[in-house]
Structures are given as C-alpha cells and as structure tokens.
Amino acid sequence: MGFRLFTWNWVVVFGKQIASLITSCLQRGIEKKVSSTSSQDRKLPIAVHSFTADCGEEMCVMVVVVIVVVVVVVVVVVAVVVVVVVVVVVVVVVVVVVVVVVVVVVVVVIV
C-alpha cells in the first residue's frame, strides 16, 4: 500500500512538472506569435513554434525522460499486482487441496 502511494505521488509530481513546463512553453510561444510580425512565423502552428523556438531539445529530453519514468513505474506496479494475484491464487489452490485431502482421509477412516 505504501509503495503504491509513493509511486502514485511520484507520478503526480512529475506529471505536474511536465504540465507546467508545457504550459509555459506554449504561453511563451503564444506571446511570441502575437508579437511577431514575420509572415513566415505566422505560418507555423503555435505549438510547433513554441516547442521548437522556446523549449528546444530540453523539452524533448524532459518529455522522453518523464514518459520513460512513468512507463517504468506502471510496469513495476503491474508486475507487483500480478505477483500478488499469483501468490493469492496459489495459496487458495493449496488450501483447497489440503481441505479435500483432509475430507477424503476422514471419510476413509470413518468408512
């Protein structure tokens, strides 16, 4: 439970940071586009202009790092859930087998 809360909080923190970075890049791009008088700049979509002109490679690297971290965290959480489910299923099967064996032994001894 604690691990799951920790990883979820970690994903939320990184998500907020990347959202803030994207918002600031888009805002700078919009401000630049509004103040720009170049006809070539006006042909570019706002998002393309802002990411390439204002944020450049830093933004790309940050987005890739955050995506990789989120994917790794999701894979780890899914793996932990799968392991827990497998362990629970194995325990249930063992308990059922033990109960069946005990019932068979009791029936054989009584008969």
PDB file of N, CA and C in Angstrom:
ATOM      1  N   MET A   1       0.834  -1.197   0.000  1.00  0.00           N
ATOM      2  CA  MET A   1       0.000   0.000   0.000  1.00  0.00           C
ATOM      3  C   MET A   1       0.872   1.252   0.000  1.00  0.00           C
ATOM      4  N   GLY A   2       1.873   1.267   0.889  1.00  0.00           N
ATOM      5  CA  GLY A   2       2.759   2.425   0.966  1.00  0.00           C
ATOM      6  C   GLY A   2       3.544   2.633  -0.312  1.00  0.00           C
ATOM      7  N   PHE A   3       4.009   1.508  -0.913  1.00  0.00           N
ATOM      8  CA  PHE A   3       4.763   1.603  -2.165  1.00  0.00           C
ATOM      9  C   PHE A   3       3.891   2.168  -3.272  1.00  0.00           C
ATOM     10  N   ARG A   4       2.636   1.697  -3.324  1.00  0.00           N
ATOM     11  CA  ARG A   4       1.734   2.166  -4.366  1.00  0.00           C
ATOM     12  C   ARG A   4       1.460   3.660  -4.204  1.00  0.00           C
ATOM     13  N   LEU A   5       1.243   4.120  -2.972  1.00  0.00           N
ATOM     14  CA  LEU A   5       1.021   5.550  -2.737  1.00  0.00           C
ATOM     15  C   LEU A   5       2.252   6.358  -3.104  1.00  0.00           C
ATOM     16  N   PHE A   6       3.443   5.833  -2.760  1.00  0.00           N
ATOM     17  CA  PHE A   6       4.683   6.536  -3.082  1.00  0.00           C
ATOM     18  C   PHE A   6       4.836   6.690  -4.588  1.00  0.00           C
ATOM     19  N   THR A   7       4.631   5.600  -5.336  1.00  0.00           N
ATOM     20  CA  THR A   7       4.806   5.674  -6.788  1.00  0.00           C
ATOM     21  C   THR A   7       3.746   6.574  -7.406  1.00  0.00           C
ATOM     22  N   TRP A   8       2.519   6.510  -6.904  1.00  0.00           N
ATOM     23  CA  TRP A   8       1.469   7.359  -7.458  1.00  0.00           C
ATOM     24  C   TRP A   8       1.801   8.832  -7.214  1.00  0.00           C
ATOM     25  N   ASN A   9       2.256   9.173  -6.001  1.00  0.00           N
ATOM     26  CA  ASN A   9       2.632  10.559  -5.710  1.00  0.00           C
ATOM     27  C   ASN A   9       3.776  11.006  -6.609  1.00  0.00           C
ATOM     28  N   TRP A  10       4.714  10.106  -6.852  1.00  0.00           N
ATOM     29  CA  TRP A  10       5.854  10.410  -7.712  1.00  0.00           C
ATOM     30  C   TRP A  10       5.386  10.725  -9.129  1.00  0.00           C
ATOM     31  N   VAL A  11       4.454   9.912  -9.659  1.00  0.00           N
ATOM     32  CA  VAL A  11       3.902  10.137 -10.997  1.00  0.00           C
ATOM     33  C   VAL A  11       3.157  11.464 -11.035  1.00  0.00           C
ATOM     34  N   VAL A  12       2.400  11.767  -9.987  1.00  0.00           N
ATOM     35  CA  VAL A  12       1.645  13.026  -9.946  1.00  0.00           C
ATOM     36  C   VAL A  12       2.598  14.216  -9.950  1.00  0.00           C
ATOM     37  N   VAL A  13       3.669  14.141  -9.163  1.00  0.00           N
ATOM     38  CA  VAL A  13       4.634  15.246  -9.104  1.00  0.00           C
ATOM     39  C   VAL A  13       5.275  15.459 -10.470  1.00  0.00           C
ATOM     40  N   PHE A  14       5.731  14.374 -11.111  1.00  0.00           N
ATOM     41  CA  PHE A  14       6.344  14.512 -12.432  1.00  0.00           C
ATOM     42  C   PHE A  14       5.330  15.003 -13.455  1.00  0.00           C
ATOM     43  N   GLY A  15       4.101  14.523 -13.359  1.00  0.00           N
ATOM     44  CA  GLY A  15       3.061  14.970 -14.279  1.00  0.00           C
ATOM     45  C   GLY A  15       2.797  16.459 -14.155  1.00  0.00           C
ATOM     46  N   LYS A  16       2.750  16.950 -12.914  1.00  0.00           N
ATOM     47  CA  LYS A  16       2.536  18.388 -12.708  1.00  0.00           C
ATOM     48  C   LYS A  16       3.706  19.200 -13.255  1.00  0.00           C
ATOM     49  N   GLN A  17       4.931  18.695 -13.063  1.00  0.00           N
ATOM     50  CA  GLN A  17       6.095  19.421 -13.565  1.00  0.00           C
ATOM     51  C   GLN A  17       6.080  19.506 -15.086  1.00  0.00           C
ATOM     52  N   ILE A  18       5.794  18.385 -15.750  1.00  0.00           N
ATOM     53  CA  ILE A  18       5.797  18.399 -17.209  1.00  0.00           C
ATOM     54  C   ILE A  18       4.642  19.241 -17.734  1.00  0.00           C
ATOM     55  N   ALA A  19       3.487  19.209 -17.058  1.00  0.00           N
ATOM     56  CA  ALA A  19       2.360  20.043 -17.482  1.00  0.00           C
ATOM     57  C   ALA A  19       2.708  21.521 -17.340  1.00  0.00           C
ATOM     58  N   SER A  20       3.394  21.872 -16.259  1.00  0.00           N
ATOM     59  CA  SER A  20       3.814  23.256 -16.055  1.00  0.00           C
ATOM     60  C   SER A  20       4.802  23.689 -17.130  1.00  0.00           C
ATOM     61  N   LEU A  21       5.738  22.802 -17.455  1.00  0.00           N
ATOM     62  CA  LEU A  21       6.730  23.118 -18.485  1.00  0.00           C
ATOM     63  C   LEU A  21       6.066  23.304 -19.841  1.00  0.00           C
ATOM     64  N   ILE A  22       5.146  22.405 -20.186  1.00  0.00           N
ATOM     65  CA  ILE A  22       4.440  22.514 -21.469  1.00  0.00           C
ATOM     66  C   ILE A  22       3.619  23.794 -21.508  1.00  0.00           C
ATOM     67  N   THR A  23       2.936  24.112 -20.410  1.00  0.00           N
ATOM     68  CA  THR A  23       2.123  25.329 -20.361  1.00  0.00           C
ATOM     69  C   THR A  23       2.977  26.574 -20.546  1.00  0.00           C
ATOM     70  N   SER A  24       4.127  26.618 -19.867  1.00  0.00           N
ATOM     71  CA  SER A  24       4.983  27.802 -20.001  1.00  0.00           C
ATOM     72  C   SER A  24       5.544  27.913 -21.414  1.00  0.00           C
ATOM     73  N   CYS A  25       5.898  26.779 -22.024  1.00  0.00           N
ATOM     74  CA  CYS A  25       6.393  26.818 -23.403  1.00  0.00           C
ATOM     75  C   CYS A  25       5.316  27.320 -24.354  1.00  0.00           C
ATOM     76  N   LEU A  26       4.100  26.801 -24.194  1.00  0.00           N
ATOM     77  CA  LEU A  26       3.006  27.239 -25.065  1.00  0.00           C
ATOM     78  C   LEU A  26       2.702  28.718 -24.853  1.00  0.00           C
ATOM     79  N   GLN A  27       2.748  29.158 -23.589  1.00  0.00           N
ATOM     80  CA  GLN A  27       2.474  30.570 -23.301  1.00  0.00           C
ATOM     81  C   GLN A  27       3.513  31.466 -23.967  1.00  0.00           C
ATOM     82  N   ARG A  28       4.796  31.078 -23.837  1.00  0.00           N
ATOM     83  CA  ARG A  28       5.846  31.871 -24.487  1.00  0.00           C
ATOM     84  C   ARG A  28       5.674  31.862 -25.999  1.00  0.00           C
ATOM     85  N   GLY A  29       5.270  30.714 -26.540  1.00  0.00           N
ATOM     86  CA  GLY A  29       5.053  30.621 -27.983  1.00  0.00           C
ATOM     87  C   GLY A  29       3.914  31.506 -28.436  1.00  0.00           C
ATOM     88  N   ILE A  30       2.842  31.542 -27.649  1.00  0.00           N
ATOM     89  CA  ILE A  30       1.689  32.386 -27.993  1.00  0.00           C
ATOM     90  C   ILE A  30       2.083  33.859 -27.919  1.00  0.00           C
ATOM     91  N   GLU A  31       2.817  34.245 -26.853  1.00  0.00           N
ATOM     92  CA  GLU A  31       3.249  35.641 -26.725  1.00  0.00           C
ATOM     93  C   GLU A  31       4.143  36.030 -27.890  1.00  0.00           C
ATOM     94  N   LYS A  32       5.066  35.132 -28.262  1.00  0.00           N
ATOM     95  CA  LYS A  32       5.957  35.420 -29.376  1.00  0.00           C
ATOM     96  C   LYS A  32       5.168  35.532 -30.670  1.00  0.00           C
ATOM     97  N   LYS A  33       4.196  34.651 -30.842  1.00  0.00           N
ATOM     98  CA  LYS A  33       3.414  34.642 -32.075  1.00  0.00           C
ATOM     99  C   LYS A  33       2.584  35.918 -32.186  1.00  0.00           C
ATOM    100  N   VAL A  34       2.024  36.360 -31.067  1.00  0.00           N
ATOM    101  CA  VAL A  34       1.214  37.578 -31.089  1.00  0.00           C
ATOM    102  C   VAL A  34       2.084  38.787 -31.414  1.00  0.00           C
ATOM    103  N   SER A  35       3.299  38.821 -30.838  1.00  0.00           N
ATOM    104  CA  SER A  35       4.153  39.987 -31.059  1.00  0.00           C
ATOM    105  C   SER A  35       4.955  39.892 -32.357  1.00  0.00           C
ATOM    106  N   SER A  36       4.931  38.730 -33.004  1.00  0.00           N
ATOM    107  CA  SER A  36       5.730  38.536 -34.214  1.00  0.00           C
ATOM    108  C   SER A  36       5.081  39.229 -35.409  1.00  0.00           C
ATOM    109  N   THR A  37       5.919  39.839 -36.242  1.00  0.00           N
ATOM    110  CA  THR A  37       5.399  40.466 -37.461  1.00  0.00           C
ATOM    111  C   THR A  37       5.842  39.700 -38.698  1.00  0.00           C
ATOM    112  N   SER A  38       6.667  38.682 -38.528  1.00  0.00           N
ATOM    113  CA  SER A  38       7.168  37.911 -39.663  1.00  0.00           C
ATOM    114  C   SER A  38       6.058  37.029 -40.226  1.00  0.00           C
ATOM    115  N   SER A  39       5.897  37.062 -41.543  1.00  0.00           N
ATOM    116  CA  SER A  39       4.854  36.238 -42.158  1.00  0.00           C
ATOM    117  C   SER A  39       5.223  34.758 -42.081  1.00  0.00           C
ATOM    118  N   GLN A  40       6.516  34.455 -42.081  1.00  0.00           N
ATOM    119  CA  GLN A  40       6.931  33.053 -42.004  1.00  0.00           C
ATOM    120  C   GLN A  40       6.572  32.473 -40.636  1.00  0.00           C
ATOM    121  N   ASP A  41       6.768  33.254 -39.565  1.00  0.00           N
ATOM    122  CA  ASP A  41       6.403  32.794 -38.227  1.00  0.00           C
ATOM    123  C   ASP A  41       4.901  32.533 -38.132  1.00  0.00           C
ATOM    124  N   ARG A  42       4.123  33.356 -38.776  1.00  0.00           N
ATOM    125  CA  ARG A  42       2.669  33.224 -38.672  1.00  0.00           C
ATOM    126  C   ARG A  42       2.158  31.962 -39.371  1.00  0.00           C
ATOM    127  N   LYS A  43       2.948  31.396 -40.268  1.00  0.00           N
ATOM    128  CA  LYS A  43       2.526  30.169 -40.948  1.00  0.00           C
ATOM    129  C   LYS A  43       2.666  28.946 -40.042  1.00  0.00           C
ATOM    130  N   LEU A  44       3.530  29.043 -39.032  1.00  0.00           N
ATOM    131  CA  LEU A  44       3.752  27.901 -38.143  1.00  0.00           C
ATOM    132  C   LEU A  44       2.630  27.803 -37.118  1.00  0.00           C
ATOM    133  N   PRO A  45       2.186  26.574 -36.832  1.00  0.00           N
ATOM    134  CA  PRO A  45       1.221  26.425 -35.727  1.00  0.00           C
ATOM    135  C   PRO A  45       1.859  26.880 -34.417  1.00  0.00           C
ATOM    136  N   ILE A  46       1.036  27.351 -33.504  1.00  0.00           N
ATOM    137  CA  ILE A  46       1.541  27.864 -32.224  1.00  0.00           C
ATOM    138  C   ILE A  46       2.363  26.803 -31.501  1.00  0.00           C
ATOM    139  N   ALA A  47       1.864  25.576 -31.435  1.00  0.00           N
ATOM    140  CA  ALA A  47       2.563  24.529 -30.685  1.00  0.00           C
ATOM    141  C   ALA A  47       3.933  24.244 -31.290  1.00  0.00           C
ATOM    142  N   VAL A  48       3.995  24.120 -32.621  1.00  0.00           N
ATOM    143  CA  VAL A  48       5.279  23.835 -33.276  1.00  0.00           C
ATOM    144  C   VAL A  48       6.249  24.974 -33.024  1.00  0.00           C
ATOM    145  N   HIS A  49       5.762  26.193 -33.179  1.00  0.00           N
ATOM    146  CA  HIS A  49       6.618  27.361 -32.974  1.00  0.00           C
ATOM    147  C   HIS A  49       7.151  27.401 -31.544  1.00  0.00           C
ATOM    148  N   SER A  50       6.273  27.189 -30.572  1.00  0.00           N
ATOM    149  CA  SER A  50       6.701  27.325 -29.183  1.00  0.00           C
ATOM    150  C   SER A  50       7.671  26.230 -28.782  1.00  0.00           C
ATOM    151  N   PHE A  51       7.405  24.989 -29.177  1.00  0.00           N
ATOM    152  CA  PHE A  51       8.294  23.905 -28.754  1.00  0.00           C
ATOM    153  C   PHE A  51       9.659  24.024 -29.418  1.00  0.00           C
ATOM    154  N   THR A  52       9.698  24.372 -30.696  1.00  0.00           N
ATOM    155  CA  THR A  52      10.996  24.433 -31.374  1.00  0.00           C
ATOM    156  C   THR A  52      11.756  25.698 -31.014  1.00  0.00           C
ATOM    157  N   ALA A  53      11.069  26.829 -30.935  1.00  0.00           N
ATOM    158  CA  ALA A  53      11.772  28.094 -30.726  1.00  0.00           C
ATOM    159  C   ALA A  53      12.100  28.351 -29.264  1.00  0.00           C
ATOM    160  N   ASP A  54      11.211  27.982 -28.360  1.00  0.00           N
ATOM    161  CA  ASP A  54      11.385  28.361 -26.961  1.00  0.00           C
ATOM    162  C   ASP A  54      11.974  27.258 -26.096  1.00  0.00           C
ATOM    163  N   CYS A  55      11.568  26.035 -26.332  1.00  0.00           N
ATOM    164  CA  CYS A  55      11.973  24.963 -25.427  1.00  0.00           C
ATOM    165  C   CYS A  55      13.043  24.066 -26.028  1.00  0.00           C
ATOM    166  N   GLY A  56      13.007  23.859 -27.307  1.00  0.00           N
ATOM    167  CA  GLY A  56      14.047  23.114 -27.996  1.00  0.00           C
ATOM    168  C   GLY A  56      14.279  21.723 -27.453  1.00  0.00           C
ATOM    169  N   GLU A  57      15.560  21.354 -27.398  1.00  0.00           N
ATOM    170  CA  GLU A  57      15.934  19.993 -27.021  1.00  0.00           C
ATOM    171  C   GLU A  57      15.637  19.699 -25.556  1.00  0.00           C
ATOM    172  N   GLU A  58      15.735  20.700 -24.687  1.00  0.00           N
ATOM    173  CA  GLU A  58      15.453  20.468 -23.263  1.00  0.00           C
ATOM    174  C   GLU A  58      14.056  19.896 -23.074  1.00  0.00           C
ATOM    175  N   MET A  59      13.104  20.457 -23.796  1.00  0.00           N
ATOM    176  CA  MET A  59      11.721  19.989 -23.681  1.00  0.00           C
ATOM    177  C   MET A  59      11.605  18.557 -24.163  1.00  0.00           C
ATOM    178  N   CYS A  60      12.224  18.262 -25.299  1.00  0.00           N
ATOM    179  CA  CYS A  60      12.155  16.900 -25.843  1.00  0.00           C
ATOM    180  C   CYS A  60      12.756  15.903 -24.863  1.00  0.00           C
ATOM    181  N   VAL A  61      13.912  16.238 -24.309  1.00  0.00           N
ATOM    182  CA  VAL A  61      14.576  15.338 -23.362  1.00  0.00           C
ATOM    183  C   VAL A  61      13.710  15.155 -22.123  1.00  0.00           C
ATOM    184  N   MET A  62      13.149  16.242 -21.612  1.00  0.00           N
ATOM    185  CA  MET A  62      12.315  16.163 -20.413  1.00  0.00           C
ATOM    186  C   MET A  62      11.088  15.292 -20.659  1.00  0.00           C
ATOM    187  N   VAL A  63      10.440  15.475 -21.810  1.00  0.00           N
ATOM    188  CA  VAL A  63       9.251  14.685 -22.133  1.00  0.00           C
ATOM    189  C   VAL A  63       9.613  13.209 -22.231  1.00  0.00           C
ATOM    190  N   VAL A  64      10.717  12.894 -22.900  1.00  0.00           N
ATOM    191  CA  VAL A  64      11.137  11.496 -23.044  1.00  0.00           C
ATOM    192  C   VAL A  64      11.450  10.895 -21.679  1.00  0.00           C
ATOM    193  N   VAL A  65      12.170  11.637 -20.836  1.00  0.00           N
ATOM    194  CA  VAL A  65      12.517  11.128 -19.503  1.00  0.00           C
ATOM    195  C   VAL A  65      11.255  10.874 -18.686  1.00  0.00           C
ATOM    196  N   VAL A  66      10.319  11.793 -18.702  1.00  0.00           N
ATOM    197  CA  VAL A  66       9.087  11.622 -17.926  1.00  0.00           C
ATOM    198  C   VAL A  66       8.284  10.435 -18.453  1.00  0.00           C
ATOM    199  N   ILE A  67       8.201  10.296 -19.776  1.00  0.00           N
ATOM    200  CA  ILE A  67       7.464   9.167 -20.350  1.00  0.00           C
ATOM    201  C   ILE A  67       8.112   7.853 -19.943  1.00  0.00           C
ATOM    202  N   VAL A  68       9.444   7.777 -20.012  1.00  0.00           N
ATOM    203  CA  VAL A  68      10.152   6.553 -19.622  1.00  0.00           C
ATOM    204  C   VAL A  68       9.919   6.248 -18.145  1.00  0.00           C
ATOM    205  N   VAL A  69      10.008   7.266 -17.292  1.00  0.00           N
ATOM    206  CA  VAL A  69       9.805   7.056 -15.852  1.00  0.00           C
ATOM    207  C   VAL A  69       8.385   6.570 -15.578  1.00  0.00           C
ATOM    208  N   VAL A  70       7.402   7.176 -16.208  1.00  0.00           N
ATOM    209  CA  VAL A  70       6.008   6.772 -15.998  1.00  0.00           C
ATOM    210  C   VAL A  70       5.790   5.339 -16.482  1.00  0.00           C
ATOM    211  N   VAL A  71       6.354   4.996 -17.645  1.00  0.00           N
ATOM    212  CA  VAL A  71       6.206   3.630 -18.165  1.00  0.00           C
ATOM    213  C   VAL A  71       6.851   2.627 -17.217  1.00  0.00           C
ATOM    214  N   VAL A  72       8.050   2.939 -16.719  1.00  0.00           N
ATOM    215  CA  VAL A  72       8.736   2.027 -15.792  1.00  0.00           C
ATOM    216  C   VAL A  72       7.919   1.855 -14.515  1.00  0.00           C
ATOM    217  N   VAL A  73       7.400   2.945 -13.972  1.00  0.00           N
ATOM    218  CA  VAL A  73       6.600   2.861 -12.743  1.00  0.00           C
ATOM    219  C   VAL A  73       5.343   2.026 -12.980  1.00  0.00           C
ATOM    220  N   VAL A  74       4.675   2.239 -14.109  1.00  0.00           N
ATOM    221  CA  VAL A  74       3.466   1.466 -14.415  1.00  0.00           C
ATOM    222  C   VAL A  74       3.798  -0.014 -14.566  1.00  0.00           C
ATOM    223  N   VAL A  75       4.906  -0.330 -15.258  1.00  0.00           N
ATOM    224  CA  VAL A  75       5.308  -1.730 -15.431  1.00  0.00           C
ATOM    225  C   VAL A  75       5.610  -2.369 -14.079  1.00  0.00           C
ATOM    226  N   VAL A  76       6.312  -1.652 -13.210  1.00  0.00           N
ATOM    227  CA  VAL A  76       6.640  -2.192 -11.884  1.00  0.00           C
ATOM    228  C   VAL A  76       5.364  -2.426 -11.070  1.00  0.00           C
ATOM    229  N   VAL A  77       4.452  -1.480 -11.082  1.00  0.00           N
ATOM    230  CA  VAL A  77       3.202  -1.631 -10.325  1.00  0.00           C
ATOM    231  C   VAL A  77       2.391  -2.807 -10.867  1.00  0.00           C
ATOM    232  N   VAL A  78       2.300  -2.929 -12.194  1.00  0.00           N
ATOM    233  CA  VAL A  78       1.572  -4.052 -12.792  1.00  0.00           C
ATOM    234  C   VAL A  78       2.242  -5.374 -12.428  1.00  0.00           C
ATOM    235  N   ALA A  79       3.577  -5.417 -12.464  1.00  0.00           N
ATOM    236  CA  ALA A  79       4.295  -6.643 -12.099  1.00  0.00           C
ATOM    237  C   ALA A  79       4.021  -7.031 -10.647  1.00  0.00           C
ATOM    238  N   VAL A  80       4.029  -6.049  -9.756  1.00  0.00           N
ATOM    239  CA  VAL A  80       3.749  -6.326  -8.340  1.00  0.00           C
ATOM    240  C   VAL A  80       2.320  -6.852  -8.176  1.00  0.00           C
ATOM    241  N   VAL A  81       1.369  -6.253  -8.861  1.00  0.00           N
ATOM    242  CA  VAL A  81      -0.023  -6.708  -8.778  1.00  0.00           C
ATOM    243  C   VAL A  81      -0.148  -8.136  -9.305  1.00  0.00           C
ATOM    244  N   VAL A  82       0.519  -8.444 -10.424  1.00  0.00           N
ATOM    245  CA  VAL A  82       0.467  -9.796 -10.991  1.00  0.00           C
ATOM    246  C   VAL A  82       1.062 -10.802 -10.013  1.00  0.00           C
ATOM    247  N   VAL A  83       2.196 -10.467  -9.410  1.00  0.00           N
ATOM    248  CA  VAL A  83       2.821 -11.373  -8.438  1.00  0.00           C
ATOM    249  C   VAL A  83       1.889 -11.609  -7.250  1.00  0.00           C
ATOM    250  N   VAL A  84       1.266 -10.562  -6.745  1.00  0.00           N
ATOM    251  CA  VAL A  84       0.345 -10.705  -5.610  1.00  0.00           C
ATOM    252  C   VAL A  84      -0.840 -11.593  -5.993  1.00  0.00           C
ATOM    253  N   VAL A  85      -1.394 -11.393  -7.180  1.00  0.00           N
ATOM    254  CA  VAL A  85      -2.525 -12.214  -7.631  1.00  0.00           C
ATOM    255  C   VAL A  85      -2.107 -13.676  -7.761  1.00  0.00           C
ATOM    256  N   VAL A  86      -0.928 -13.935  -8.328  1.00  0.00           N
ATOM    257  CA  VAL A  86      -0.441 -15.312  -8.473  1.00  0.00           C
ATOM    258  C   VAL A  86      -0.257 -15.955  -7.100  1.00  0.00           C
ATOM    259  N   VAL A  87       0.319 -15.231  -6.166  1.00  0.00           N
ATOM    260  CA  VAL A  87       0.519 -15.770  -4.814  1.00  0.00           C
ATOM    261  C   VAL A  87      -0.827 -16.093  -4.164  1.00  0.00           C
ATOM    262  N   VAL A  88      -1.799 -15.219  -4.294  1.00  0.00           N
ATOM    263  CA  VAL A  88      -3.126 -15.460  -3.715  1.00  0.00           C
ATOM    264  C   VAL A  88      -3.767 -16.696  -4.347  1.00  0.00           C
ATOM    265  N   VAL A  89      -3.666 -16.832  -5.665  1.00  0.00           N
ATOM    266  CA  VAL A  89      -4.239 -17.997  -6.348  1.00  0.00           C
ATOM    267  C   VAL A  89      -3.560 -19.278  -5.876  1.00  0.00           C
ATOM    268  N   VAL A  90      -2.236 -19.271  -5.755  1.00  0.00           N
ATOM    269  CA  VAL A  90      -1.506 -20.454  -5.287  1.00  0.00           C
ATOM    270  C   VAL A  90      -1.935 -20.812  -3.868  1.00  0.00           C
ATOM    271  N   VAL A  91      -2.061 -19.836  -2.996  1.00  0.00           N
ATOM    272  CA  VAL A  91      -2.478 -20.096  -1.615  1.00  0.00           C
ATOM    273  C   VAL A  91      -3.885 -20.695  -1.590  1.00  0.00           C
ATOM    274  N   VAL A  92      -4.796 -20.161  -2.379  1.00  0.00           N
ATOM    275  CA  VAL A  92      -6.167 -20.682  -2.428  1.00  0.00           C
ATOM    276  C   VAL A  92      -6.166 -22.124  -2.931  1.00  0.00           C
ATOM    277  N   VAL A  93      -5.396 -22.418  -3.974  1.00  0.00           N
ATOM    278  CA  VAL A  93      -5.325 -23.783  -4.507  1.00  0.00           C
ATOM    279  C   VAL A  93      -4.765 -24.736  -3.454  1.00  0.00           C
ATOM    280  N   VAL A  94      -3.718 -24.333  -2.760  1.00  0.00           N
ATOM    281  CA  VAL A  94      -3.125 -25.184  -1.721  1.00  0.00           C
ATOM    282  C   VAL A  94      -4.140 -25.443  -0.608  1.00  0.00           C
ATOM    283  N   VAL A  95      -4.857 -24.432  -0.176  1.00  0.00           N
ATOM    284  CA  VAL A  95      -5.861 -24.596   0.879  1.00  0.00           C
ATOM    285  C   VAL A  95      -6.960 -25.554   0.417  1.00  0.00           C
ATOM    286  N   VAL A  96      -7.435 -25.410  -0.808  1.00  0.00           N
ATOM    287  CA  VAL A  96      -8.478 -26.294  -1.333  1.00  0.00           C
ATOM    288  C   VAL A  96      -7.973 -27.735  -1.389  1.00  0.00           C
ATOM    289  N   VAL A  97      -6.748 -27.950  -1.857  1.00  0.00           N
ATOM    290  CA  VAL A  97      -6.177 -29.301  -1.927  1.00  0.00           C
ATOM    291  C   VAL A  97      -6.062 -29.900  -0.525  1.00  0.00           C
ATOM    292  N   VAL A  98      -5.600 -29.134   0.433  1.00  0.00           N
ATOM    293  CA  VAL A  98      -5.467 -29.629   1.808  1.00  0.00           C
ATOM    294  C   VAL A  98      -6.839 -29.995   2.370  1.00  0.00           C
ATOM    295  N   VAL A  99      -7.840 -29.172   2.153  1.00  0.00           N
ATOM    296  CA  VAL A  99      -9.194 -29.457   2.647  1.00  0.00           C
ATOM    297  C   VAL A  99      -9.726 -30.732   2.001  1.00  0.00           C
ATOM    298  N   VAL A 100      -9.548 -30.898   0.702  1.00  0.00           N
ATOM    299  CA  VAL A 100     -10.019 -32.099   0.010  1.00  0.00           C
ATOM    300  C   VAL A 100      -9.315 -33.338   0.558  1.00  0.00           C
ATOM    301  N   VAL A 101      -8.004 -33.272   0.759  1.00  0.00           N
ATOM    302  CA  VAL A 101      -7.246 -34.406   1.293  1.00  0.00           C
ATOM    303  C   VAL A 101      -7.737 -34.750   2.701  1.00  0.00           C
ATOM    304  N   VAL A 102      -7.955 -33.753   3.533  1.00  0.00           N
ATOM    305  CA  VAL A 102      -8.438 -33.996   4.896  1.00  0.00           C
ATOM    306  C   VAL A 102      -9.815 -34.642   4.860  1.00  0.00           C
ATOM    307  N   VAL A 103     -10.716 -34.159   4.014  1.00  0.00           N
ATOM    308  CA  VAL A 103     -12.063 -34.726   3.905  1.00  0.00           C
ATOM    309  C   VAL A 103     -11.981 -36.177   3.430  1.00  0.00           C
ATOM    310  N   VAL A 104     -11.148 -36.462   2.439  1.00  0.00           N
ATOM    311  CA  VAL A 104     -11.000 -37.829   1.929  1.00  0.00           C
ATOM    312  C   VAL A 104     -10.453 -38.741   3.019  1.00  0.00           C
ATOM    313  N   VAL A 105      -9.455 -38.297   3.761  1.00  0.00           N
ATOM    314  CA  VAL A 105      -8.874 -39.106   4.839  1.00  0.00           C
ATOM    315  C   VAL A 105      -9.925 -39.371   5.917  1.00  0.00           C
ATOM    316  N   VAL A 106     -10.688 -38.372   6.290  1.00  0.00           N
ATOM    317  CA  VAL A 106     -11.722 -38.534   7.315  1.00  0.00           C
ATOM    318  C   VAL A 106     -12.779 -39.523   6.835  1.00  0.00           C
ATOM    319  N   VAL A 107     -13.210 -39.407   5.582  1.00  0.00           N
ATOM    320  CA  VAL A 107     -14.226 -40.310   5.034  1.00  0.00           C
ATOM    321  C   VAL A 107     -13.693 -41.740   4.993  1.00  0.00           C
ATOM    322  N   VAL A 108     -12.440 -41.937   4.584  1.00  0.00           N
ATOM    323  CA  VAL A 108     -11.840 -43.276   4.509  1.00  0.00           C
ATOM    324  C   VAL A 108     -11.703 -43.869   5.906  1.00  0.00           C
ATOM    325  N   VAL A 109     -11.298 -43.081   6.876  1.00  0.00           N
ATOM    326  CA  VAL A 109     -11.132 -43.570   8.245  1.00  0.00           C
ATOM    327  C   VAL A 109     -12.492 -43.937   8.836  1.00  0.00           C
ATOM    328  N   ILE A 110     -13.522 -43.137   8.593  1.00  0.00           N
ATOM    329  CA  ILE A 110     -14.849 -43.401   9.146  1.00  0.00           C
ATOM    330  C   ILE A 110     -15.454 -44.645   8.485  1.00  0.00           C
ATOM    331  N   VAL A 111     -15.305 -44.777   7.178  1.00  0.00           N
ATOM    332  CA  VAL A 111     -15.895 -45.915   6.462  1.00  0.00           C
ATOM    333  C   VAL A 111     -15.011 -47.107   6.716  1.00  0.00           C
TER     334      VAL A 111
END
